[in-house]
């Protein structure tokens, strides 16, 4: 799909409507329908965090930091820690976002990221337990520095890379005084699985589906679909925030393509860790 944006902002016309009017088949960056943009991952760049990462997919850039606090475990799940993921889409990343409370898109993606962590068993909450009733509460904060489409895939990679980079201080409780002692010795956070997402957009006319959409392609499409897969190829989660219905044949085609593309992302995560 090529978006020929010789756009003139006429009064009464939104940028979204103009983009939709100018969408045609060829993609503006020359990619074919099933090709993703170049992905770069860097880890350990935030010295004050327990784990961190920076991910760049095309021009879309995400930074992720993991912080931890000690808390009391819940009575209904004694010994289980907490892991909370939050995505921030500030105005600096895209003029479409406004200052103030998190946008609906930000909240929806944050919920999807939390669902992925829970359904995939990425981090075993029982392993966040400290002696006694204390557990680790981990906050995974992701901030978008530049929005050029497909923040979901970039956010998932940033989250996984930061978790794999996380080292928690060793905590003990003094049996005599009951005081908490935090050691300088750190232990790596065990990451059990790596659910990777692949995002597609599609149009009603012609039934065209493309992977890793740019900003223009997202807002010119009839629907968006993100497929989260485990390393064994099994389906972890599907995210489809409204839009047109996707035929079963195209859905199966997307899942097959997602399995192929996810292998490159898993290999990239392993390479970065080494």
C-alpha atoms as a PDB file:
ATOM      1  CA  UNK A   1       0.000   0.000   0.000  1.00  0.00           C
ATOM      2  CA  UNK A   2       1.517   3.303  -0.982  1.00  0.00           C
ATOM      3  CA  UNK A   3       0.255   6.366   0.804  1.00  0.00           C
ATOM      4  CA  UNK A   4       0.900   9.287  -1.563  1.00  0.00           C
ATOM      5  CA  UNK A   5       0.732  12.012   1.011  1.00  0.00           C
ATOM      6  CA  UNK A   6       0.818  15.246  -0.862  1.00  0.00           C
ATOM      7  CA  UNK A   7      -1.637  16.293   1.837  1.00  0.00           C
ATOM      8  CA  UNK A   8      -3.221  19.683   2.070  1.00  0.00           C
ATOM      9  CA  UNK A   9      -4.986  20.175   5.361  1.00  0.00           C
ATOM     10  CA  UNK A  10      -8.255  21.725   4.240  1.00  0.00           C
ATOM     11  CA  UNK A  11     -10.640  23.069   6.834  1.00  0.00           C
ATOM     12  CA  UNK A  12     -13.036  20.472   8.171  1.00  0.00           C
ATOM     13  CA  UNK A  13     -11.005  17.467   7.006  1.00  0.00           C
ATOM     14  CA  UNK A  14      -9.073  15.290   9.442  1.00  0.00           C
ATOM     15  CA  UNK A  15      -5.672  13.757   8.752  1.00  0.00           C
ATOM     16  CA  UNK A  16      -7.201  10.297   9.201  1.00  0.00           C
ATOM     17  CA  UNK A  17      -9.813  10.860   6.506  1.00  0.00           C
ATOM     18  CA  UNK A  18      -7.186  12.178   4.093  1.00  0.00           C
ATOM     19  CA  UNK A  19      -4.954   9.172   4.697  1.00  0.00           C
ATOM     20  CA  UNK A  20      -7.845   6.806   4.034  1.00  0.00           C
ATOM     21  CA  UNK A  21      -8.609   8.564   0.770  1.00  0.00           C
ATOM     22  CA  UNK A  22      -5.005   8.314  -0.449  1.00  0.00           C
ATOM     23  CA  UNK A  23      -4.309   4.669   0.407  1.00  0.00           C
ATOM     24  CA  UNK A  24      -3.459   2.544  -2.620  1.00  0.00           C
ATOM     25  CA  UNK A  25      -1.893  -0.832  -3.044  1.00  0.00           C
ATOM     26  CA  UNK A  26       1.845  -0.155  -3.049  1.00  0.00           C
ATOM     27  CA  UNK A  27       3.486   0.483   0.338  1.00  0.00           C
ATOM     28  CA  UNK A  28       5.248   3.828   0.764  1.00  0.00           C
ATOM     29  CA  UNK A  29       8.523   2.294   1.970  1.00  0.00           C
ATOM     30  CA  UNK A  30       8.698  -0.288  -0.815  1.00  0.00           C
ATOM     31  CA  UNK A  31       8.085  -3.339   1.376  1.00  0.00           C
ATOM     32  CA  UNK A  32       5.897  -6.182   0.190  1.00  0.00           C
ATOM     33  CA  UNK A  33       2.785  -7.096   2.168  1.00  0.00           C
ATOM     34  CA  UNK A  34       4.539  -9.710   4.342  1.00  0.00           C
ATOM     35  CA  UNK A  35       7.812  -7.922   5.130  1.00  0.00           C
ATOM     36  CA  UNK A  36       8.540  -6.284   8.491  1.00  0.00           C
ATOM     37  CA  UNK A  37      10.735  -3.284   9.150  1.00  0.00           C
ATOM     38  CA  UNK A  38      14.221  -3.608  10.603  1.00  0.00           C
ATOM     39  CA  UNK A  39      14.224  -4.249  14.364  1.00  0.00           C
ATOM     40  CA  UNK A  40      16.960  -3.156  16.785  1.00  0.00           C
ATOM     41  CA  UNK A  41      17.107  -4.107  20.487  1.00  0.00           C
ATOM     42  CA  UNK A  42      19.420  -2.708  23.144  1.00  0.00           C
ATOM     43  CA  UNK A  43      19.352  -3.709  26.842  1.00  0.00           C
ATOM     44  CA  UNK A  44      20.682  -2.370  30.125  1.00  0.00           C
ATOM     45  CA  UNK A  45      20.628   1.297  29.128  1.00  0.00           C
ATOM     46  CA  UNK A  46      18.814   2.546  32.271  1.00  0.00           C
ATOM     47  CA  UNK A  47      21.204   2.233  35.204  1.00  0.00           C
ATOM     48  CA  UNK A  48      18.579   2.961  37.871  1.00  0.00           C
ATOM     49  CA  UNK A  49      16.246   0.150  36.776  1.00  0.00           C
ATOM     50  CA  UNK A  50      16.473  -3.539  37.659  1.00  0.00           C
ATOM     51  CA  UNK A  51      16.182  -4.259  33.953  1.00  0.00           C
ATOM     52  CA  UNK A  52      15.715  -2.144  30.846  1.00  0.00           C
ATOM     53  CA  UNK A  53      15.579  -2.180  27.079  1.00  0.00           C
ATOM     54  CA  UNK A  54      15.227   0.028  24.035  1.00  0.00           C
ATOM     55  CA  UNK A  55      13.517  -1.293  20.908  1.00  0.00           C
ATOM     56  CA  UNK A  56      13.329   0.363  17.504  1.00  0.00           C
ATOM     57  CA  UNK A  57      11.062  -1.080  14.801  1.00  0.00           C
ATOM     58  CA  UNK A  58      11.458   1.135  11.770  1.00  0.00           C
ATOM     59  CA  UNK A  59      11.068   4.562  13.356  1.00  0.00           C
ATOM     60  CA  UNK A  60       8.791   3.370  16.149  1.00  0.00           C
ATOM     61  CA  UNK A  61      10.880   3.547  19.329  1.00  0.00           C
ATOM     62  CA  UNK A  62      10.040   2.149  22.768  1.00  0.00           C
ATOM     63  CA  UNK A  63      11.995   2.266  26.018  1.00  0.00           C
ATOM     64  CA  UNK A  64      11.146  -0.065  28.902  1.00  0.00           C
ATOM     65  CA  UNK A  65      12.268  -0.090  32.531  1.00  0.00           C
ATOM     66  CA  UNK A  66      11.570  -2.627  35.280  1.00  0.00           C
ATOM     67  CA  UNK A  67      11.406  -1.426  38.878  1.00  0.00           C
ATOM     68  CA  UNK A  68      10.625  -3.493  41.958  1.00  0.00           C
ATOM     69  CA  UNK A  69       9.140  -2.968  45.402  1.00  0.00           C
ATOM     70  CA  UNK A  70       8.650  -5.330  48.308  1.00  0.00           C
ATOM     71  CA  UNK A  71       5.027  -5.869  49.322  1.00  0.00           C
ATOM     72  CA  UNK A  72       2.878  -8.224  51.348  1.00  0.00           C
ATOM     73  CA  UNK A  73       1.403 -11.135  49.433  1.00  0.00           C
ATOM     74  CA  UNK A  74      -2.341 -11.390  48.962  1.00  0.00           C
ATOM     75  CA  UNK A  75      -4.223 -13.759  51.306  1.00  0.00           C
ATOM     76  CA  UNK A  76      -5.908 -15.476  48.343  1.00  0.00           C
ATOM     77  CA  UNK A  77      -2.544 -16.114  46.643  1.00  0.00           C
ATOM     78  CA  UNK A  78       0.056 -16.401  49.404  1.00  0.00           C
ATOM     79  CA  UNK A  79       3.609 -16.385  48.116  1.00  0.00           C
ATOM     80  CA  UNK A  80       2.685 -14.992  44.682  1.00  0.00           C
ATOM     81  CA  UNK A  81       4.247 -11.710  43.637  1.00  0.00           C
ATOM     82  CA  UNK A  82       2.857  -9.031  41.354  1.00  0.00           C
ATOM     83  CA  UNK A  83       3.770  -7.930  37.843  1.00  0.00           C
ATOM     84  CA  UNK A  84       2.123  -4.853  36.341  1.00  0.00           C
ATOM     85  CA  UNK A  85       2.738  -3.641  32.779  1.00  0.00           C
ATOM     86  CA  UNK A  86       1.904  -0.087  31.726  1.00  0.00           C
ATOM     87  CA  UNK A  87       2.321   1.564  28.318  1.00  0.00           C
ATOM     88  CA  UNK A  88       2.537   5.339  28.013  1.00  0.00           C
ATOM     89  CA  UNK A  89       1.858   7.085  24.697  1.00  0.00           C
ATOM     90  CA  UNK A  90       2.836  10.697  25.460  1.00  0.00           C
ATOM     91  CA  UNK A  91       2.259  13.672  23.145  1.00  0.00           C
ATOM     92  CA  UNK A  92       5.978  13.819  22.351  1.00  0.00           C
ATOM     93  CA  UNK A  93       5.761  10.544  20.405  1.00  0.00           C
ATOM     94  CA  UNK A  94       2.904  11.633  18.134  1.00  0.00           C
ATOM     95  CA  UNK A  95       0.760  14.783  17.791  1.00  0.00           C
ATOM     96  CA  UNK A  96      -2.378  12.607  17.842  1.00  0.00           C
ATOM     97  CA  UNK A  97      -1.974  12.086  21.613  1.00  0.00           C
ATOM     98  CA  UNK A  98      -2.890  14.783  24.107  1.00  0.00           C
ATOM     99  CA  UNK A  99      -1.609  15.532  27.632  1.00  0.00           C
ATOM    100  CA  UNK A 100      -3.701  14.189  30.484  1.00  0.00           C
ATOM    101  CA  UNK A 101      -5.039  10.740  31.428  1.00  0.00           C
ATOM    102  CA  UNK A 102      -3.944   7.691  29.385  1.00  0.00           C
ATOM    103  CA  UNK A 103      -5.734   7.403  26.035  1.00  0.00           C
ATOM    104  CA  UNK A 104      -8.086   4.518  25.248  1.00  0.00           C
ATOM    105  CA  UNK A 105      -5.466   3.064  22.933  1.00  0.00           C
ATOM    106  CA  UNK A 106      -2.825   3.191  25.675  1.00  0.00           C
ATOM    107  CA  UNK A 107      -5.149   1.502  28.174  1.00  0.00           C
ATOM    108  CA  UNK A 108      -6.207  -1.192  25.705  1.00  0.00           C
ATOM    109  CA  UNK A 109      -2.612  -2.072  24.787  1.00  0.00           C
ATOM    110  CA  UNK A 110      -1.558  -2.067  28.469  1.00  0.00           C
ATOM    111  CA  UNK A 111      -4.344  -4.539  29.236  1.00  0.00           C
ATOM    112  CA  UNK A 112      -3.296  -6.707  26.289  1.00  0.00           C
ATOM    113  CA  UNK A 113       0.319  -6.755  27.530  1.00  0.00           C
ATOM    114  CA  UNK A 114      -0.821  -7.763  31.022  1.00  0.00           C
ATOM    115  CA  UNK A 115      -3.025 -10.497  29.531  1.00  0.00           C
ATOM    116  CA  UNK A 116      -0.050 -11.849  27.549  1.00  0.00           C
ATOM    117  CA  UNK A 117       2.090 -12.036  30.702  1.00  0.00           C
ATOM    118  CA  UNK A 118      -0.688 -13.837  32.600  1.00  0.00           C
ATOM    119  CA  UNK A 119      -1.854 -16.276  29.900  1.00  0.00           C
ATOM    120  CA  UNK A 120       1.641 -17.262  28.747  1.00  0.00           C
ATOM    121  CA  UNK A 121       3.169 -17.760  32.196  1.00  0.00           C
ATOM    122  CA  UNK A 122       6.064 -15.584  31.082  1.00  0.00           C
ATOM    123  CA  UNK A 123       7.083 -14.944  34.700  1.00  0.00           C
ATOM    124  CA  UNK A 124       6.089 -17.379  37.445  1.00  0.00           C
ATOM    125  CA  UNK A 125       4.630 -15.155  40.168  1.00  0.00           C
ATOM    126  CA  UNK A 126       5.507 -17.787  42.762  1.00  0.00           C
ATOM    127  CA  UNK A 127       9.189 -17.150  42.044  1.00  0.00           C
ATOM    128  CA  UNK A 128       8.769 -13.524  43.134  1.00  0.00           C
ATOM    129  CA  UNK A 129       8.300 -14.702  46.707  1.00  0.00           C
ATOM    130  CA  UNK A 130      10.651 -13.645  49.501  1.00  0.00           C
ATOM    131  CA  UNK A 131      10.941 -15.462  52.827  1.00  0.00           C
ATOM    132  CA  UNK A 132       7.882 -14.882  54.966  1.00  0.00           C
ATOM    133  CA  UNK A 133       4.921 -12.915  53.619  1.00  0.00           C
ATOM    134  CA  UNK A 134       7.005 -10.595  51.447  1.00  0.00           C
ATOM    135  CA  UNK A 135       6.905 -10.713  47.647  1.00  0.00           C
ATOM    136  CA  UNK A 136       8.301  -8.654  44.804  1.00  0.00           C
ATOM    137  CA  UNK A 137       5.980  -6.278  42.999  1.00  0.00           C
ATOM    138  CA  UNK A 138       7.486  -5.576  39.579  1.00  0.00           C
ATOM    139  CA  UNK A 139       6.428  -2.543  37.544  1.00  0.00           C
ATOM    140  CA  UNK A 140       7.162  -2.806  33.827  1.00  0.00           C
ATOM    141  CA  UNK A 141       6.843   0.714  32.431  1.00  0.00           C
ATOM    142  CA  UNK A 142       7.036   1.190  28.662  1.00  0.00           C
ATOM    143  CA  UNK A 143       7.223   4.639  27.073  1.00  0.00           C
ATOM    144  CA  UNK A 144       6.865   5.332  23.367  1.00  0.00           C
ATOM    145  CA  UNK A 145       9.474   7.846  22.235  1.00  0.00           C
ATOM    146  CA  UNK A 146       8.399   7.869  18.587  1.00  0.00           C
ATOM    147  CA  UNK A 147       5.184   6.497  17.075  1.00  0.00           C
ATOM    148  CA  UNK A 148       5.471   5.432  13.468  1.00  0.00           C
ATOM    149  CA  UNK A 149       2.965   2.585  13.598  1.00  0.00           C
ATOM    150  CA  UNK A 150       2.728  -0.864  15.189  1.00  0.00           C
ATOM    151  CA  UNK A 151       3.538  -0.002  18.791  1.00  0.00           C
ATOM    152  CA  UNK A 152       2.206  -3.379  19.996  1.00  0.00           C
ATOM    153  CA  UNK A 153       4.976  -5.526  18.499  1.00  0.00           C
ATOM    154  CA  UNK A 154       7.649  -3.051  19.603  1.00  0.00           C
ATOM    155  CA  UNK A 155       6.161  -2.848  23.121  1.00  0.00           C
ATOM    156  CA  UNK A 156       6.068  -6.641  23.497  1.00  0.00           C
ATOM    157  CA  UNK A 157       9.704  -6.948  22.411  1.00  0.00           C
ATOM    158  CA  UNK A 158      10.712  -4.137  24.788  1.00  0.00           C
ATOM    159  CA  UNK A 159       8.863  -5.847  27.643  1.00  0.00           C
ATOM    160  CA  UNK A 160      10.470  -9.246  26.994  1.00  0.00           C
ATOM    161  CA  UNK A 161      13.967  -7.827  26.531  1.00  0.00           C
ATOM    162  CA  UNK A 162      13.699  -5.806  29.763  1.00  0.00           C
ATOM    163  CA  UNK A 163      12.395  -8.791  31.754  1.00  0.00           C
ATOM    164  CA  UNK A 164      15.216 -10.978  30.443  1.00  0.00           C
ATOM    165  CA  UNK A 165      17.636  -8.222  31.491  1.00  0.00           C
ATOM    166  CA  UNK A 166      16.162  -7.920  35.003  1.00  0.00           C
ATOM    167  CA  UNK A 167      18.259  -8.777  38.057  1.00  0.00           C
ATOM    168  CA  UNK A 168      16.648  -8.625  41.502  1.00  0.00           C
ATOM    169  CA  UNK A 169      18.594  -7.990  44.719  1.00  0.00           C
ATOM    170  CA  UNK A 170      18.724 -10.954  47.064  1.00  0.00           C
ATOM    171  CA  UNK A 171      16.450 -10.286  50.038  1.00  0.00           C
ATOM    172  CA  UNK A 172      16.528 -12.090  53.388  1.00  0.00           C
ATOM    173  CA  UNK A 173      14.640 -11.604  56.640  1.00  0.00           C
ATOM    174  CA  UNK A 174      16.651 -11.669  59.875  1.00  0.00           C
ATOM    175  CA  UNK A 175      15.198 -14.427  62.052  1.00  0.00           C
ATOM    176  CA  UNK A 176      16.055 -12.629  65.297  1.00  0.00           C
ATOM    177  CA  UNK A 177      15.123  -9.034  64.575  1.00  0.00           C
ATOM    178  CA  UNK A 178      12.704  -9.568  61.719  1.00  0.00           C
ATOM    179  CA  UNK A 179      14.455  -6.848  59.729  1.00  0.00           C
ATOM    180  CA  UNK A 180      14.664  -7.033  55.948  1.00  0.00           C
ATOM    181  CA  UNK A 181      18.184  -7.282  54.599  1.00  0.00           C
ATOM    182  CA  UNK A 182      18.850  -6.441  50.969  1.00  0.00           C
ATOM    183  CA  UNK A 183      22.077  -7.843  49.553  1.00  0.00           C
ATOM    184  CA  UNK A 184      24.149  -6.366  46.757  1.00  0.00           C
ATOM    185  CA  UNK A 185      24.184  -9.830  45.227  1.00  0.00           C
ATOM    186  CA  UNK A 186      21.617 -10.001  42.422  1.00  0.00           C
ATOM    187  CA  UNK A 187      19.795 -12.922  40.880  1.00  0.00           C
ATOM    188  CA  UNK A 188      18.453 -13.084  37.348  1.00  0.00           C
ATOM    189  CA  UNK A 189      14.684 -12.988  37.012  1.00  0.00           C
ATOM    190  CA  UNK A 190      13.607 -16.352  35.559  1.00  0.00           C
ATOM    191  CA  UNK A 191      11.629 -15.821  32.351  1.00  0.00           C
ATOM    192  CA  UNK A 192       9.705 -18.977  31.524  1.00  0.00           C
ATOM    193  CA  UNK A 193       8.348 -18.126  28.080  1.00  0.00           C
ATOM    194  CA  UNK A 194       8.612 -15.462  25.370  1.00  0.00           C
ATOM    195  CA  UNK A 195       5.282 -14.705  23.712  1.00  0.00           C
ATOM    196  CA  UNK A 196       6.023 -12.632  20.598  1.00  0.00           C
ATOM    197  CA  UNK A 197       3.347 -10.711  18.707  1.00  0.00           C
ATOM    198  CA  UNK A 198       2.921 -10.060  14.997  1.00  0.00           C
ATOM    199  CA  UNK A 199       0.522  -7.294  13.953  1.00  0.00           C
ATOM    200  CA  UNK A 200      -1.430  -7.061  10.703  1.00  0.00           C
ATOM    201  CA  UNK A 201      -3.853  -4.546   9.222  1.00  0.00           C
ATOM    202  CA  UNK A 202      -6.419  -5.247   6.525  1.00  0.00           C
ATOM    203  CA  UNK A 203      -8.821  -3.463   4.183  1.00  0.00           C
ATOM    204  CA  UNK A 204     -12.307  -4.355   3.071  1.00  0.00           C
ATOM    205  CA  UNK A 205     -11.684  -3.570  -0.577  1.00  0.00           C
ATOM    206  CA  UNK A 206      -9.681  -6.339  -2.181  1.00  0.00           C
ATOM    207  CA  UNK A 207      -9.120  -8.143   1.130  1.00  0.00           C
ATOM    208  CA  UNK A 208      -5.535  -6.896   1.371  1.00  0.00           C
ATOM    209  CA  UNK A 209      -3.583  -7.823   4.516  1.00  0.00           C
ATOM    210  CA  UNK A 210      -0.178  -6.370   5.415  1.00  0.00           C
ATOM    211  CA  UNK A 211       2.195  -7.008   8.299  1.00  0.00           C
ATOM    212  CA  UNK A 212       3.970  -4.486  10.560  1.00  0.00           C
ATOM    213  CA  UNK A 213       1.908  -1.451   9.497  1.00  0.00           C
ATOM    214  CA  UNK A 214       3.267   2.078   9.441  1.00  0.00           C
ATOM    215  CA  UNK A 215       1.353   4.973  10.994  1.00  0.00           C
ATOM    216  CA  UNK A 216      -0.327   5.811   7.691  1.00  0.00           C
ATOM    217  CA  UNK A 217      -1.314   2.200   7.062  1.00  0.00           C
ATOM    218  CA  UNK A 218      -2.832   1.789  10.535  1.00  0.00           C
ATOM    219  CA  UNK A 219      -5.136   4.771  10.163  1.00  0.00           C
ATOM    220  CA  UNK A 220      -6.045   3.907   6.601  1.00  0.00           C
ATOM    221  CA  UNK A 221      -7.014   0.313   7.369  1.00  0.00           C
ATOM    222  CA  UNK A 222     -10.347  -1.282   8.135  1.00  0.00           C
ATOM    223  CA  UNK A 223      -9.051  -3.317  11.059  1.00  0.00           C
ATOM    224  CA  UNK A 224      -6.006  -4.380  13.033  1.00  0.00           C
ATOM    225  CA  UNK A 225      -5.026  -7.817  14.333  1.00  0.00           C
ATOM    226  CA  UNK A 226      -2.192  -8.789  16.706  1.00  0.00           C
ATOM    227  CA  UNK A 227      -1.298 -12.471  17.149  1.00  0.00           C
ATOM    228  CA  UNK A 228       0.784 -13.553  20.151  1.00  0.00           C
ATOM    229  CA  UNK A 229       2.577 -16.887  19.823  1.00  0.00           C
ATOM    230  CA  UNK A 230       4.601 -19.058  22.188  1.00  0.00           C
ATOM    231  CA  UNK A 231       7.980 -20.443  21.118  1.00  0.00           C
ATOM    232  CA  UNK A 232       6.396 -23.818  20.317  1.00  0.00           C
ATOM    233  CA  UNK A 233       4.088 -22.083  17.834  1.00  0.00           C
ATOM    234  CA  UNK A 234       0.984 -22.319  20.008  1.00  0.00           C
ATOM    235  CA  UNK A 235      -1.416 -19.396  20.195  1.00  0.00           C
ATOM    236  CA  UNK A 236      -1.053 -17.313  23.376  1.00  0.00           C
ATOM    237  CA  UNK A 237      -3.407 -14.406  22.702  1.00  0.00           C
ATOM    238  CA  UNK A 238      -5.218 -12.569  19.911  1.00  0.00           C
ATOM    239  CA  UNK A 239      -5.905  -8.832  20.020  1.00  0.00           C
ATOM    240  CA  UNK A 240      -8.487  -7.377  17.621  1.00  0.00           C
ATOM    241  CA  UNK A 241      -9.776  -3.989  18.780  1.00  0.00           C
ATOM    242  CA  UNK A 242     -12.894  -3.689  16.629  1.00  0.00           C
ATOM    243  CA  UNK A 243     -12.831  -3.038  12.901  1.00  0.00           C
ATOM    244  CA  UNK A 244     -13.980  -5.199  10.019  1.00  0.00           C
ATOM    245  CA  UNK A 245     -14.423  -8.929  10.305  1.00  0.00           C
ATOM    246  CA  UNK A 246     -11.478 -10.916   8.954  1.00  0.00           C
ATOM    247  CA  UNK A 247     -12.345 -14.036   6.893  1.00  0.00           C
ATOM    248  CA  UNK A 248     -11.174 -17.344   8.374  1.00  0.00           C
ATOM    249  CA  UNK A 249      -8.927 -18.029   5.397  1.00  0.00           C
ATOM    250  CA  UNK A 250      -7.040 -14.761   5.898  1.00  0.00           C
ATOM    251  CA  UNK A 251      -6.850 -15.333   9.654  1.00  0.00           C
ATOM    252  CA  UNK A 252      -5.209 -18.729   9.104  1.00  0.00           C
ATOM    253  CA  UNK A 253      -2.814 -17.125   6.624  1.00  0.00           C
ATOM    254  CA  UNK A 254      -1.867 -14.482   9.203  1.00  0.00           C
ATOM    255  CA  UNK A 255      -1.241 -17.098  11.911  1.00  0.00           C
ATOM    256  CA  UNK A 256       0.969 -19.091   9.550  1.00  0.00           C
ATOM    257  CA  UNK A 257       2.952 -15.985   8.634  1.00  0.00           C
ATOM    258  CA  UNK A 258       3.202 -14.957  12.299  1.00  0.00           C
ATOM    259  CA  UNK A 259       4.815 -18.323  13.129  1.00  0.00           C
ATOM    260  CA  UNK A 260       7.450 -17.702  10.479  1.00  0.00           C
ATOM    261  CA  UNK A 261       8.191 -14.083  11.433  1.00  0.00           C
ATOM    262  CA  UNK A 262       8.257 -14.772  15.187  1.00  0.00           C
ATOM    263  CA  UNK A 263      11.261 -17.077  14.774  1.00  0.00           C
ATOM    264  CA  UNK A 264      13.396 -14.104  13.748  1.00  0.00           C
ATOM    265  CA  UNK A 265      12.304 -12.158  16.851  1.00  0.00           C
ATOM    266  CA  UNK A 266      13.091 -15.044  19.211  1.00  0.00           C
ATOM    267  CA  UNK A 267      16.508 -15.388  17.630  1.00  0.00           C
ATOM    268  CA  UNK A 268      17.077 -11.630  17.989  1.00  0.00           C
ATOM    269  CA  UNK A 269      16.176 -11.741  21.703  1.00  0.00           C
ATOM    270  CA  UNK A 270      18.625 -14.585  22.270  1.00  0.00           C
ATOM    271  CA  UNK A 271      21.351 -12.745  20.374  1.00  0.00           C
ATOM    272  CA  UNK A 272      20.831  -9.586  22.439  1.00  0.00           C
ATOM    273  CA  UNK A 273      21.029 -11.545  25.696  1.00  0.00           C
ATOM    274  CA  UNK A 274      24.355 -13.056  24.680  1.00  0.00           C
END
